[in-house]
Amino acid sequence: MADHKNQDSEFKRELELFEQRLPGKVIIEEELKKTATRLERKIDMNTSEIRLLRSDFEKSQNEQNAKLDKIIQILEGMTRTLDELKTDKIASELTFLRHENKLDNHEDRMIKLESSKN
């Protein structure tokens, strides 16, 4: 037992000598812990800011998507109107040609009738 106590006291003396030789190490460890704590706080703050920015970005993106949806709806409506106008134009042209042909036929008949009367 005395040997065990002797070893403990030797170990304590060795540890004290070691700590005396490296007093800066303890200070460095404390500074590192303080720095780590500060960095962890900064990381937490940055993480919170990133979450807020992401939320703001998503809201802005949703608003932009809503505006784009309205624009797309308007453009689709305009496209339908243009398609209808194109179809109406084609139908009107065909109707005009039929009427023009009928008029030409009537003129031809009138000329024939007038010439037959003479």
PDB file of N, CA and C in Angstrom:
ATOM      1  N   MET A   1       0.798  -1.193   0.000  1.00  0.00           N
ATOM      2  CA  MET A   1       0.000   0.000   0.000  1.00  0.00           C
ATOM      3  C   MET A   1       0.843   1.261   0.000  1.00  0.00           C
ATOM      4  N   ALA A   2       1.909   1.199   0.736  1.00  0.00           N
ATOM      5  CA  ALA A   2       2.789   2.361   0.775  1.00  0.00           C
ATOM      6  C   ALA A   2       3.335   2.625  -0.610  1.00  0.00           C
ATOM      7  N   ASP A   3       3.587   1.519  -1.314  1.00  0.00           N
ATOM      8  CA  ASP A   3       4.090   1.646  -2.681  1.00  0.00           C
ATOM      9  C   ASP A   3       3.054   2.311  -3.572  1.00  0.00           C
ATOM     10  N   HIS A   4       1.789   1.942  -3.361  1.00  0.00           N
ATOM     11  CA  HIS A   4       0.683   2.527  -4.144  1.00  0.00           C
ATOM     12  C   HIS A   4       0.548   4.011  -3.850  1.00  0.00           C
ATOM     13  N   LYS A   5       0.631   4.403  -2.579  1.00  0.00           N
ATOM     14  CA  LYS A   5       0.557   5.811  -2.196  1.00  0.00           C
ATOM     15  C   LYS A   5       1.748   6.569  -2.762  1.00  0.00           C
ATOM     16  N   ASN A   6       2.884   5.909  -2.741  1.00  0.00           N
ATOM     17  CA  ASN A   6       4.095   6.505  -3.263  1.00  0.00           C
ATOM     18  C   ASN A   6       3.950   6.777  -4.766  1.00  0.00           C
ATOM     19  N   GLN A   7       3.389   5.815  -5.479  1.00  0.00           N
ATOM     20  CA  GLN A   7       3.169   5.985  -6.921  1.00  0.00           C
ATOM     21  C   GLN A   7       2.185   7.121  -7.184  1.00  0.00           C
ATOM     22  N   ASP A   8       1.111   7.214  -6.377  1.00  0.00           N
ATOM     23  CA  ASP A   8       0.125   8.291  -6.536  1.00  0.00           C
ATOM     24  C   ASP A   8       0.766   9.645  -6.313  1.00  0.00           C
ATOM     25  N   SER A   9       1.576   9.744  -5.277  1.00  0.00           N
ATOM     26  CA  SER A   9       2.213  11.040  -4.999  1.00  0.00           C
ATOM     27  C   SER A   9       3.213  11.380  -6.091  1.00  0.00           C
ATOM     28  N   GLU A  10       3.927  10.382  -6.593  1.00  0.00           N
ATOM     29  CA  GLU A  10       4.846  10.630  -7.704  1.00  0.00           C
ATOM     30  C   GLU A  10       4.079  11.092  -8.943  1.00  0.00           C
ATOM     31  N   PHE A  11       2.966  10.436  -9.183  1.00  0.00           N
ATOM     32  CA  PHE A  11       2.141  10.822 -10.339  1.00  0.00           C
ATOM     33  C   PHE A  11       1.649  12.255 -10.190  1.00  0.00           C
ATOM     34  N   LYS A  12       1.209  12.620  -8.982  1.00  0.00           N
ATOM     35  CA  LYS A  12       0.731  13.979  -8.729  1.00  0.00           C
ATOM     36  C   LYS A  12       1.851  14.991  -8.935  1.00  0.00           C
ATOM     37  N   ARG A  13       3.063  14.644  -8.429  1.00  0.00           N
ATOM     38  CA  ARG A  13       4.203  15.549  -8.612  1.00  0.00           C
ATOM     39  C   ARG A  13       4.535  15.706 -10.095  1.00  0.00           C
ATOM     40  N   GLU A  14       4.516  14.605 -10.798  1.00  0.00           N
ATOM     41  CA  GLU A  14       4.793  14.638 -12.242  1.00  0.00           C
ATOM     42  C   GLU A  14       3.754  15.511 -12.955  1.00  0.00           C
ATOM     43  N   LEU A  15       2.492  15.342 -12.562  1.00  0.00           N
ATOM     44  CA  LEU A  15       1.413  16.118 -13.171  1.00  0.00           C
ATOM     45  C   LEU A  15       1.575  17.601 -12.867  1.00  0.00           C
ATOM     46  N   GLU A  16       1.928  17.932 -11.643  1.00  0.00           N
ATOM     47  CA  GLU A  16       2.146  19.331 -11.272  1.00  0.00           C
ATOM     48  C   GLU A  16       3.305  19.931 -12.062  1.00  0.00           C
ATOM     49  N   LEU A  17       4.385  19.157 -12.170  1.00  0.00           N
ATOM     50  CA  LEU A  17       5.533  19.628 -12.959  1.00  0.00           C
ATOM     51  C   LEU A  17       5.137  19.840 -14.415  1.00  0.00           C
ATOM     52  N   PHE A  18       4.371  18.908 -14.932  1.00  0.00           N
ATOM     53  CA  PHE A  18       3.908  19.014 -16.324  1.00  0.00           C
ATOM     54  C   PHE A  18       3.050  20.253 -16.519  1.00  0.00           C
ATOM     55  N   GLU A  19       2.141  20.489 -15.586  1.00  0.00           N
ATOM     56  CA  GLU A  19       1.267  21.662 -15.679  1.00  0.00           C
ATOM     57  C   GLU A  19       2.065  22.947 -15.515  1.00  0.00           C
ATOM     58  N   GLN A  20       3.112  22.915 -14.682  1.00  0.00           N
ATOM     59  CA  GLN A  20       3.948  24.108 -14.517  1.00  0.00           C
ATOM     60  C   GLN A  20       4.724  24.397 -15.798  1.00  0.00           C
ATOM     61  N   ARG A  21       5.169  23.348 -16.469  1.00  0.00           N
ATOM     62  CA  ARG A  21       5.920  23.540 -17.700  1.00  0.00           C
ATOM     63  C   ARG A  21       5.032  24.032 -18.836  1.00  0.00           C
ATOM     64  N   LEU A  22       3.738  23.659 -18.790  1.00  0.00           N
ATOM     65  CA  LEU A  22       2.819  24.021 -19.883  1.00  0.00           C
ATOM     66  C   LEU A  22       1.640  24.837 -19.371  1.00  0.00           C
ATOM     67  N   PRO A  23       1.854  25.984 -18.734  1.00  0.00           N
ATOM     68  CA  PRO A  23       0.709  26.757 -18.248  1.00  0.00           C
ATOM     69  C   PRO A  23      -0.101  27.343 -19.420  1.00  0.00           C
ATOM     70  N   GLY A  24       0.587  27.602 -20.508  1.00  0.00           N
ATOM     71  CA  GLY A  24      -0.100  28.162 -21.670  1.00  0.00           C
ATOM     72  C   GLY A  24      -1.089  27.182 -22.284  1.00  0.00           C
ATOM     73  N   LYS A  25      -0.821  25.913 -22.126  1.00  0.00           N
ATOM     74  CA  LYS A  25      -1.698  24.900 -22.715  1.00  0.00           C
ATOM     75  C   LYS A  25      -3.092  24.974 -22.107  1.00  0.00           C
ATOM     76  N   VAL A  26      -3.151  25.150 -20.796  1.00  0.00           N
ATOM     77  CA  VAL A  26      -4.441  25.257 -20.121  1.00  0.00           C
ATOM     78  C   VAL A  26      -5.171  26.494 -20.616  1.00  0.00           C
ATOM     79  N   ILE A  27      -4.408  27.588 -20.726  1.00  0.00           N
ATOM     80  CA  ILE A  27      -5.008  28.828 -21.212  1.00  0.00           C
ATOM     81  C   ILE A  27      -5.488  28.648 -22.653  1.00  0.00           C
ATOM     82  N   ILE A  28      -4.677  27.988 -23.467  1.00  0.00           N
ATOM     83  CA  ILE A  28      -5.062  27.750 -24.867  1.00  0.00           C
ATOM     84  C   ILE A  28      -6.321  26.908 -24.936  1.00  0.00           C
ATOM     85  N   GLU A  29      -6.420  25.866 -24.110  1.00  0.00           N
ATOM     86  CA  GLU A  29      -7.611  25.022 -24.101  1.00  0.00           C
ATOM     87  C   GLU A  29      -8.847  25.832 -23.730  1.00  0.00           C
ATOM     88  N   GLU A  30      -8.708  26.705 -22.718  1.00  0.00           N
ATOM     89  CA  GLU A  30      -9.838  27.540 -22.315  1.00  0.00           C
ATOM     90  C   GLU A  30     -10.239  28.486 -23.439  1.00  0.00           C
ATOM     91  N   GLU A  31      -9.238  29.080 -24.093  1.00  0.00           N
ATOM     92  CA  GLU A  31      -9.528  29.978 -25.217  1.00  0.00           C
ATOM     93  C   GLU A  31     -10.176  29.216 -26.373  1.00  0.00           C
ATOM     94  N   LEU A  32      -9.687  28.004 -26.610  1.00  0.00           N
ATOM     95  CA  LEU A  32     -10.279  27.187 -27.666  1.00  0.00           C
ATOM     96  C   LEU A  32     -11.741  26.861 -27.349  1.00  0.00           C
ATOM     97  N   LYS A  33     -12.002  26.555 -26.085  1.00  0.00           N
ATOM     98  CA  LYS A  33     -13.384  26.267 -25.691  1.00  0.00           C
ATOM     99  C   LYS A  33     -14.260  27.491 -25.863  1.00  0.00           C
ATOM    100  N   LYS A  34     -13.732  28.679 -25.438  1.00  0.00           N
ATOM    101  CA  LYS A  34     -14.496  29.915 -25.608  1.00  0.00           C
ATOM    102  C   LYS A  34     -14.740  30.202 -27.088  1.00  0.00           C
ATOM    103  N   THR A  35     -13.687  30.028 -27.878  1.00  0.00           N
ATOM    104  CA  THR A  35     -13.814  30.264 -29.325  1.00  0.00           C
ATOM    105  C   THR A  35     -14.813  29.297 -29.947  1.00  0.00           C
ATOM    106  N   ALA A  36     -14.738  28.035 -29.531  1.00  0.00           N
ATOM    107  CA  ALA A  36     -15.677  27.037 -30.055  1.00  0.00           C
ATOM    108  C   ALA A  36     -17.110  27.414 -29.695  1.00  0.00           C
ATOM    109  N   THR A  37     -17.302  27.879 -28.476  1.00  0.00           N
ATOM    110  CA  THR A  37     -18.641  28.296 -28.035  1.00  0.00           C
ATOM    111  C   THR A  37     -19.126  29.479 -28.866  1.00  0.00           C
ATOM    112  N   ARG A  38     -18.235  30.468 -29.073  1.00  0.00           N
ATOM    113  CA  ARG A  38     -18.617  31.628 -29.895  1.00  0.00           C
ATOM    114  C   ARG A  38     -18.956  31.195 -31.320  1.00  0.00           C
ATOM    115  N   LEU A  39     -18.141  30.303 -31.861  1.00  0.00           N
ATOM    116  CA  LEU A  39     -18.397  29.825 -33.227  1.00  0.00           C
ATOM    117  C   LEU A  39     -19.716  29.064 -33.319  1.00  0.00           C
ATOM    118  N   GLU A  40     -20.009  28.264 -32.299  1.00  0.00           N
ATOM    119  CA  GLU A  40     -21.274  27.539 -32.284  1.00  0.00           C
ATOM    120  C   GLU A  40     -22.455  28.510 -32.266  1.00  0.00           C
ATOM    121  N   ARG A  41     -22.316  29.589 -31.478  1.00  0.00           N
ATOM    122  CA  ARG A  41     -23.378  30.601 -31.438  1.00  0.00           C
ATOM    123  C   ARG A  41     -23.539  31.260 -32.808  1.00  0.00           C
ATOM    124  N   LYS A  42     -22.404  31.596 -33.418  1.00  0.00           N
ATOM    125  CA  LYS A  42     -22.465  32.211 -34.747  1.00  0.00           C
ATOM    126  C   LYS A  42     -23.097  31.267 -35.765  1.00  0.00           C
ATOM    127  N   ILE A  43     -22.730  30.002 -35.686  1.00  0.00           N
ATOM    128  CA  ILE A  43     -23.319  29.005 -36.596  1.00  0.00           C
ATOM    129  C   ILE A  43     -24.825  28.936 -36.381  1.00  0.00           C
ATOM    130  N   ASP A  44     -25.256  28.938 -35.124  1.00  0.00           N
ATOM    131  CA  ASP A  44     -26.690  28.913 -34.824  1.00  0.00           C
ATOM    132  C   ASP A  44     -27.389  30.149 -35.386  1.00  0.00           C
ATOM    133  N   MET A  45     -26.749  31.325 -35.204  1.00  0.00           N
ATOM    134  CA  MET A  45     -27.344  32.555 -35.730  1.00  0.00           C
ATOM    135  C   MET A  45     -27.407  32.508 -37.251  1.00  0.00           C
ATOM    136  N   ASN A  46     -26.323  32.038 -37.883  1.00  0.00           N
ATOM    137  CA  ASN A  46     -26.310  31.949 -39.344  1.00  0.00           C
ATOM    138  C   ASN A  46     -27.341  30.953 -39.850  1.00  0.00           C
ATOM    139  N   THR A  47     -27.487  29.854 -39.138  1.00  0.00           N
ATOM    140  CA  THR A  47     -28.490  28.866 -39.516  1.00  0.00           C
ATOM    141  C   THR A  47     -29.880  29.473 -39.444  1.00  0.00           C
ATOM    142  N   SER A  48     -30.133  30.249 -38.396  1.00  0.00           N
ATOM    143  CA  SER A  48     -31.438  30.916 -38.272  1.00  0.00           C
ATOM    144  C   SER A  48     -31.641  31.911 -39.407  1.00  0.00           C
ATOM    145  N   GLU A  49     -30.604  32.686 -39.718  1.00  0.00           N
ATOM    146  CA  GLU A  49     -30.704  33.646 -40.811  1.00  0.00           C
ATOM    147  C   GLU A  49     -30.946  32.940 -42.145  1.00  0.00           C
ATOM    148  N   ILE A  50     -30.274  31.830 -42.348  1.00  0.00           N
ATOM    149  CA  ILE A  50     -30.461  31.063 -43.584  1.00  0.00           C
ATOM    150  C   ILE A  50     -31.897  30.567 -43.677  1.00  0.00           C
ATOM    151  N   ARG A  51     -32.439  30.087 -42.564  1.00  0.00           N
ATOM    152  CA  ARG A  51     -33.836  29.633 -42.567  1.00  0.00           C
ATOM    153  C   ARG A  51     -34.776  30.783 -42.928  1.00  0.00           C
ATOM    154  N   LEU A  52     -34.530  31.968 -42.332  1.00  0.00           N
ATOM    155  CA  LEU A  52     -35.370  33.134 -42.643  1.00  0.00           C
ATOM    156  C   LEU A  52     -35.241  33.525 -44.114  1.00  0.00           C
ATOM    157  N   LEU A  53     -34.016  33.543 -44.609  1.00  0.00           N
ATOM    158  CA  LEU A  53     -33.802  33.882 -46.023  1.00  0.00           C
ATOM    159  C   LEU A  53     -34.476  32.869 -46.940  1.00  0.00           C
ATOM    160  N   ARG A  54     -34.366  31.599 -46.589  1.00  0.00           N
ATOM    161  CA  ARG A  54     -34.993  30.553 -47.396  1.00  0.00           C
ATOM    162  C   ARG A  54     -36.511  30.726 -47.402  1.00  0.00           C
ATOM    163  N   SER A  55     -37.065  31.050 -46.227  1.00  0.00           N
ATOM    164  CA  SER A  55     -38.504  31.275 -46.125  1.00  0.00           C
ATOM    165  C   SER A  55     -38.916  32.475 -46.970  1.00  0.00           C
ATOM    166  N   ASP A  56     -38.158  33.575 -46.864  1.00  0.00           N
ATOM    167  CA  ASP A  56     -38.453  34.766 -47.670  1.00  0.00           C
ATOM    168  C   ASP A  56     -38.342  34.456 -49.157  1.00  0.00           C
ATOM    169  N   PHE A  57     -37.323  33.694 -49.520  1.00  0.00           N
ATOM    170  CA  PHE A  57     -37.131  33.324 -50.924  1.00  0.00           C
ATOM    171  C   PHE A  57     -38.303  32.491 -51.431  1.00  0.00           C
ATOM    172  N   GLU A  58     -38.737  31.532 -50.628  1.00  0.00           N
ATOM    173  CA  GLU A  58     -39.863  30.686 -51.031  1.00  0.00           C
ATOM    174  C   GLU A  58     -41.136  31.508 -51.188  1.00  0.00           C
ATOM    175  N   LYS A  59     -41.364  32.468 -50.270  1.00  0.00           N
ATOM    176  CA  LYS A  59     -42.533  33.339 -50.396  1.00  0.00           C
ATOM    177  C   LYS A  59     -42.455  34.156 -51.672  1.00  0.00           C
ATOM    178  N   SER A  60     -41.283  34.717 -51.931  1.00  0.00           N
ATOM    179  CA  SER A  60     -41.079  35.522 -53.141  1.00  0.00           C
ATOM    180  C   SER A  60     -41.280  34.662 -54.384  1.00  0.00           C
ATOM    181  N   GLN A  61     -40.761  33.455 -54.342  1.00  0.00           N
ATOM    182  CA  GLN A  61     -40.905  32.545 -55.476  1.00  0.00           C
ATOM    183  C   GLN A  61     -42.377  32.194 -55.706  1.00  0.00           C
ATOM    184  N   ASN A  62     -43.118  31.959 -54.639  1.00  0.00           N
ATOM    185  CA  ASN A  62     -44.547  31.661 -54.769  1.00  0.00           C
ATOM    186  C   ASN A  62     -45.298  32.847 -55.365  1.00  0.00           C
ATOM    187  N   GLU A  63     -44.937  34.073 -54.916  1.00  0.00           N
ATOM    188  CA  GLU A  63     -45.579  35.265 -55.473  1.00  0.00           C
ATOM    189  C   GLU A  63     -45.269  35.403 -56.960  1.00  0.00           C
ATOM    190  N   GLN A  64     -44.013  35.158 -57.324  1.00  0.00           N
ATOM    191  CA  GLN A  64     -43.625  35.244 -58.733  1.00  0.00           C
ATOM    192  C   GLN A  64     -44.354  34.188 -59.560  1.00  0.00           C
ATOM    193  N   ASN A  65     -44.476  32.987 -59.008  1.00  0.00           N
ATOM    194  CA  ASN A  65     -45.194  31.926 -59.720  1.00  0.00           C
ATOM    195  C   ASN A  65     -46.661  32.302 -59.927  1.00  0.00           C
ATOM    196  N   ALA A  66     -47.264  32.921 -58.910  1.00  0.00           N
ATOM    197  CA  ALA A  66     -48.665  33.347 -59.041  1.00  0.00           C
ATOM    198  C   ALA A  66     -48.795  34.392 -60.143  1.00  0.00           C
ATOM    199  N   LYS A  67     -47.858  35.349 -60.180  1.00  0.00           N
ATOM    200  CA  LYS A  67     -47.891  36.371 -61.229  1.00  0.00           C
ATOM    201  C   LYS A  67     -47.693  35.748 -62.608  1.00  0.00           C
ATOM    202  N   LEU A  68     -46.755  34.812 -62.698  1.00  0.00           N
ATOM    203  CA  LEU A  68     -46.516  34.145 -63.982  1.00  0.00           C
ATOM    204  C   LEU A  68     -47.734  33.339 -64.420  1.00  0.00           C
ATOM    205  N   ASP A  69     -48.400  32.712 -63.467  1.00  0.00           N
ATOM    206  CA  ASP A  69     -49.618  31.963 -63.796  1.00  0.00           C
ATOM    207  C   ASP A  69     -50.672  32.886 -64.401  1.00  0.00           C
ATOM    208  N   LYS A  70     -50.823  34.088 -63.823  1.00  0.00           N
ATOM    209  CA  LYS A  70     -51.790  35.043 -64.366  1.00  0.00           C
ATOM    210  C   LYS A  70     -51.403  35.451 -65.780  1.00  0.00           C
ATOM    211  N   ILE A  71     -50.113  35.718 -65.985  1.00  0.00           N
ATOM    212  CA  ILE A  71     -49.641  36.104 -67.319  1.00  0.00           C
ATOM    213  C   ILE A  71     -49.888  34.978 -68.315  1.00  0.00           C
ATOM    214  N   ILE A  72     -49.605  33.758 -67.910  1.00  0.00           N
ATOM    215  CA  ILE A  72     -49.815  32.605 -68.800  1.00  0.00           C
ATOM    216  C   ILE A  72     -51.291  32.461 -69.144  1.00  0.00           C
ATOM    217  N   GLN A  73     -52.165  32.652 -68.156  1.00  0.00           N
ATOM    218  CA  GLN A  73     -53.604  32.574 -68.420  1.00  0.00           C
ATOM    219  C   GLN A  73     -54.032  33.632 -69.426  1.00  0.00           C
ATOM    220  N   ILE A  74     -53.514  34.852 -69.261  1.00  0.00           N
ATOM    221  CA  ILE A  74     -53.855  35.932 -70.189  1.00  0.00           C
ATOM    222  C   ILE A  74     -53.353  35.596 -71.585  1.00  0.00           C
ATOM    223  N   LEU A  75     -52.117  35.105 -71.680  1.00  0.00           N
ATOM    224  CA  LEU A  75     -51.554  34.757 -72.987  1.00  0.00           C
ATOM    225  C   LEU A  75     -52.323  33.610 -73.643  1.00  0.00           C
ATOM    226  N   GLU A  76     -52.736  32.639 -72.836  1.00  0.00           N
ATOM    227  CA  GLU A  76     -53.529  31.544 -73.391  1.00  0.00           C
ATOM    228  C   GLU A  76     -54.860  32.060 -73.927  1.00  0.00           C
ATOM    229  N   GLY A  77     -55.466  32.996 -73.196  1.00  0.00           N
ATOM    230  CA  GLY A  77     -56.718  33.595 -73.665  1.00  0.00           C
ATOM    231  C   GLY A  77     -56.503  34.350 -74.968  1.00  0.00           C
ATOM    232  N   MET A  78     -55.403  35.089 -75.053  1.00  0.00           N
ATOM    233  CA  MET A  78     -55.110  35.819 -76.281  1.00  0.00           C
ATOM    234  C   MET A  78     -54.862  34.857 -77.447  1.00  0.00           C
ATOM    235  N   THR A  79     -54.181  33.762 -77.161  1.00  0.00           N
ATOM    236  CA  THR A  79     -53.910  32.763 -78.198  1.00  0.00           C
ATOM    237  C   THR A  79     -55.214  32.159 -78.713  1.00  0.00           C
ATOM    238  N   ARG A  80     -56.131  31.850 -77.800  1.00  0.00           N
ATOM    239  CA  ARG A  80     -57.434  31.318 -78.226  1.00  0.00           C
ATOM    240  C   ARG A  80     -58.166  32.336 -79.102  1.00  0.00           C
ATOM    241  N   THR A  81     -58.117  33.608 -78.675  1.00  0.00           N
ATOM    242  CA  THR A  81     -58.779  34.655 -79.449  1.00  0.00           C
ATOM    243  C   THR A  81     -58.168  34.758 -80.841  1.00  0.00           C
ATOM    244  N   LEU A  82     -56.840  34.713 -80.923  1.00  0.00           N
ATOM    245  CA  LEU A  82     -56.172  34.776 -82.226  1.00  0.00           C
ATOM    246  C   LEU A  82     -56.542  33.572 -83.097  1.00  0.00           C
ATOM    247  N   ASP A  83     -56.609  32.398 -82.501  1.00  0.00           N
ATOM    248  CA  ASP A  83     -57.020  31.203 -83.251  1.00  0.00           C
ATOM    249  C   ASP A  83     -58.443  31.361 -83.784  1.00  0.00           C
ATOM    250  N   GLU A  84     -59.329  31.888 -82.942  1.00  0.00           N
ATOM    251  CA  GLU A  84     -60.717  32.101 -83.373  1.00  0.00           C
ATOM    252  C   GLU A  84     -60.775  33.128 -84.503  1.00  0.00           C
ATOM    253  N   LEU A  85     -59.988  34.198 -84.374  1.00  0.00           N
ATOM    254  CA  LEU A  85     -59.964  35.216 -85.426  1.00  0.00           C
ATOM    255  C   LEU A  85     -59.417  34.638 -86.729  1.00  0.00           C
ATOM    256  N   LYS A  86     -58.418  33.801 -86.631  1.00  0.00           N
ATOM    257  CA  LYS A  86     -57.857  33.166 -87.826  1.00  0.00           C
ATOM    258  C   LYS A  86     -58.899  32.277 -88.493  1.00  0.00           C
ATOM    259  N   THR A  87     -59.603  31.500 -87.690  1.00  0.00           N
ATOM    260  CA  THR A  87     -60.657  30.630 -88.232  1.00  0.00           C
ATOM    261  C   THR A  87     -61.759  31.477 -88.868  1.00  0.00           C
ATOM    262  N   ASP A  88     -62.170  32.551 -88.180  1.00  0.00           N
ATOM    263  CA  ASP A  88     -63.198  33.443 -88.733  1.00  0.00           C
ATOM    264  C   ASP A  88     -62.737  34.083 -90.035  1.00  0.00           C
ATOM    265  N   LYS A  89     -61.468  34.459 -90.104  1.00  0.00           N
ATOM    266  CA  LYS A  89     -60.931  35.076 -91.323  1.00  0.00           C
ATOM    267  C   LYS A  89     -61.005  34.105 -92.486  1.00  0.00           C
ATOM    268  N   ILE A  90     -60.596  32.868 -92.240  1.00  0.00           N
ATOM    269  CA  ILE A  90     -60.637  31.850 -93.300  1.00  0.00           C
ATOM    270  C   ILE A  90     -62.085  31.626 -93.753  1.00  0.00           C
ATOM    271  N   ALA A  91     -62.987  31.521 -92.775  1.00  0.00           N
ATOM    272  CA  ALA A  91     -64.401  31.307 -93.116  1.00  0.00           C
ATOM    273  C   ALA A  91     -64.946  32.512 -93.879  1.00  0.00           C
ATOM    274  N   SER A  92     -64.568  33.719 -93.480  1.00  0.00           N
ATOM    275  CA  SER A  92     -65.038  34.932 -94.171  1.00  0.00           C
ATOM    276  C   SER A  92     -64.510  34.980 -95.595  1.00  0.00           C
ATOM    277  N   GLU A  93     -63.252  34.620 -95.776  1.00  0.00           N
ATOM    278  CA  GLU A  93     -62.677  34.614 -97.125  1.00  0.00           C
ATOM    279  C   GLU A  93     -63.401  33.619 -98.029  1.00  0.00           C
ATOM    280  N   LEU A  94     -63.700  32.450 -97.475  1.00  0.00           N
ATOM    281  CA  LEU A  94     -64.417  31.452 -98.272  1.00  0.00           C
ATOM    282  C   LEU A  94     -65.821  31.949 -98.621  1.00  0.00           C
ATOM    283  N   THR A  95     -66.493  32.561 -97.664  1.00  0.00           N
ATOM    284  CA  THR A  95     -67.826  33.111 -97.913  1.00  0.00           C
ATOM    285  C   THR A  95     -67.750  34.208 -98.968  1.00  0.00           C
ATOM    286  N   PHE A  96     -66.753  35.069 -98.873  1.00  0.00           N
ATOM    287  CA  PHE A  96     -66.570  36.134 -99.856  1.00  0.00           C
ATOM    288  C   PHE A  96     -66.364  35.551-101.257  1.00  0.00           C
ATOM    289  N   LEU A  97     -65.529  34.527-101.353  1.00  0.00           N
ATOM    290  CA  LEU A  97     -65.291  33.896-102.665  1.00  0.00           C
ATOM    291  C   LEU A  97     -66.573  33.289-103.227  1.00  0.00           C
ATOM    292  N   ARG A  98     -67.384  32.640-102.385  1.00  0.00           N
ATOM    293  CA  ARG A  98     -68.655  32.071-102.849  1.00  0.00           C
ATOM    294  C   ARG A  98     -69.569  33.177-103.357  1.00  0.00           C
ATOM    295  N   HIS A  99     -69.654  34.266-102.593  1.00  0.00           N
ATOM    296  CA  HIS A  99     -70.511  35.383-103.008  1.00  0.00           C
ATOM    297  C   HIS A  99     -69.991  36.014-104.300  1.00  0.00           C
ATOM    298  N   GLU A 100     -68.664  36.131-104.376  1.00  0.00           N
ATOM    299  CA  GLU A 100     -68.084  36.695-105.591  1.00  0.00           C
ATOM    300  C   GLU A 100     -68.394  35.811-106.791  1.00  0.00           C
ATOM    301  N   ASN A 101     -68.317  34.510-106.621  1.00  0.00           N
ATOM    302  CA  ASN A 101     -68.644  33.571-107.707  1.00  0.00           C
ATOM    303  C   ASN A 101     -70.114  33.686-108.095  1.00  0.00           C
ATOM    304  N   LYS A 102     -70.977  33.813-107.081  1.00  0.00           N
ATOM    305  CA  LYS A 102     -72.407  33.960-107.383  1.00  0.00           C
ATOM    306  C   LYS A 102     -72.656  35.245-108.153  1.00  0.00           C
ATOM    307  N   LEU A 103     -72.000  36.334-107.738  1.00  0.00           N
ATOM    308  CA  LEU A 103     -72.165  37.598-108.449  1.00  0.00           C
ATOM    309  C   LEU A 103     -71.683  37.478-109.890  1.00  0.00           C
ATOM    310  N   ASP A 104     -70.535  36.823-110.050  1.00  0.00           N
ATOM    311  CA  ASP A 104     -70.020  36.632-111.415  1.00  0.00           C
ATOM    312  C   ASP A 104     -71.017  35.819-112.247  1.00  0.00           C
ATOM    313  N   ASN A 105     -71.590  34.770-111.630  1.00  0.00           N
ATOM    314  CA  ASN A 105     -72.579  33.952-112.343  1.00  0.00           C
ATOM    315  C   ASN A 105     -73.810  34.789-112.698  1.00  0.00           C
ATOM    316  N   HIS A 106     -74.254  35.621-111.753  1.00  0.00           N
ATOM    317  CA  HIS A 106     -75.412  36.473-112.033  1.00  0.00           C
ATOM    318  C   HIS A 106     -75.106  37.465-113.154  1.00  0.00           C
ATOM    319  N   GLU A 107     -73.915  38.034-113.127  1.00  0.00           N
ATOM    320  CA  GLU A 107     -73.544  38.978-114.184  1.00  0.00           C
ATOM    321  C   GLU A 107     -73.519  38.277-115.531  1.00  0.00           C
ATOM    322  N   ASP A 108     -72.952  37.065-115.526  1.00  0.00           N
ATOM    323  CA  ASP A 108     -72.916  36.309-116.787  1.00  0.00           C
ATOM    324  C   ASP A 108     -74.334  36.038-117.291  1.00  0.00           C
ATOM    325  N   ARG A 109     -75.237  35.646-116.406  1.00  0.00           N
ATOM    326  CA  ARG A 109     -76.620  35.381-116.815  1.00  0.00           C
ATOM    327  C   ARG A 109     -77.305  36.650-117.307  1.00  0.00           C
ATOM    328  N   MET A 110     -77.024  37.741-116.598  1.00  0.00           N
ATOM    329  CA  MET A 110     -77.649  39.005-117.018  1.00  0.00           C
ATOM    330  C   MET A 110     -77.161  39.413-118.406  1.00  0.00           C
ATOM    331  N   ILE A 111     -75.884  39.213-118.638  1.00  0.00           N
ATOM    332  CA  ILE A 111     -75.331  39.562-119.953  1.00  0.00           C
ATOM    333  C   ILE A 111     -75.957  38.669-121.020  1.00  0.00           C
ATOM    334  N   LYS A 112     -76.103  37.394-120.736  1.00  0.00           N
ATOM    335  CA  LYS A 112     -76.698  36.468-121.696  1.00  0.00           C
ATOM    336  C   LYS A 112     -78.168  36.842-121.956  1.00  0.00           C
ATOM    337  N   LEU A 113     -78.878  37.167-120.873  1.00  0.00           N
ATOM    338  CA  LEU A 113     -80.286  37.548-121.020  1.00  0.00           C
ATOM    339  C   LEU A 113     -80.416  38.824-121.851  1.00  0.00           C
ATOM    340  N   GLU A 114     -79.580  39.794-121.585  1.00  0.00           N
ATOM    341  CA  GLU A 114     -79.644  41.051-122.319  1.00  0.00           C
ATOM    342  C   GLU A 114     -79.276  40.837-123.777  1.00  0.00           C
ATOM    343  N   SER A 115     -78.300  40.004-124.008  1.00  0.00           N
ATOM    344  CA  SER A 115     -77.895  39.765-125.402  1.00  0.00           C
ATOM    345  C   SER A 115     -78.949  38.956-126.144  1.00  0.00           C
ATOM    346  N   SER A 116     -79.661  38.094-125.436  1.00  0.00           N
ATOM    347  CA  SER A 116     -80.708  37.303-126.089  1.00  0.00           C
ATOM    348  C   SER A 116     -81.928  38.164-126.399  1.00  0.00           C
ATOM    349  N   LYS A 117     -82.158  39.195-125.642  1.00  0.00           N
ATOM    350  CA  LYS A 117     -83.267  40.084-125.887  1.00  0.00           C
ATOM    351  C   LYS A 117     -82.992  40.951-127.097  1.00  0.00           C
ATOM    352  N   ASN A 118     -81.813  41.241-127.351  1.00  0.00           N
ATOM    353  CA  ASN A 118     -81.472  42.134-128.467  1.00  0.00           C
ATOM    354  C   ASN A 118     -81.443  41.411-129.726  1.00  0.00           C
TER     355      ASN A 118
END
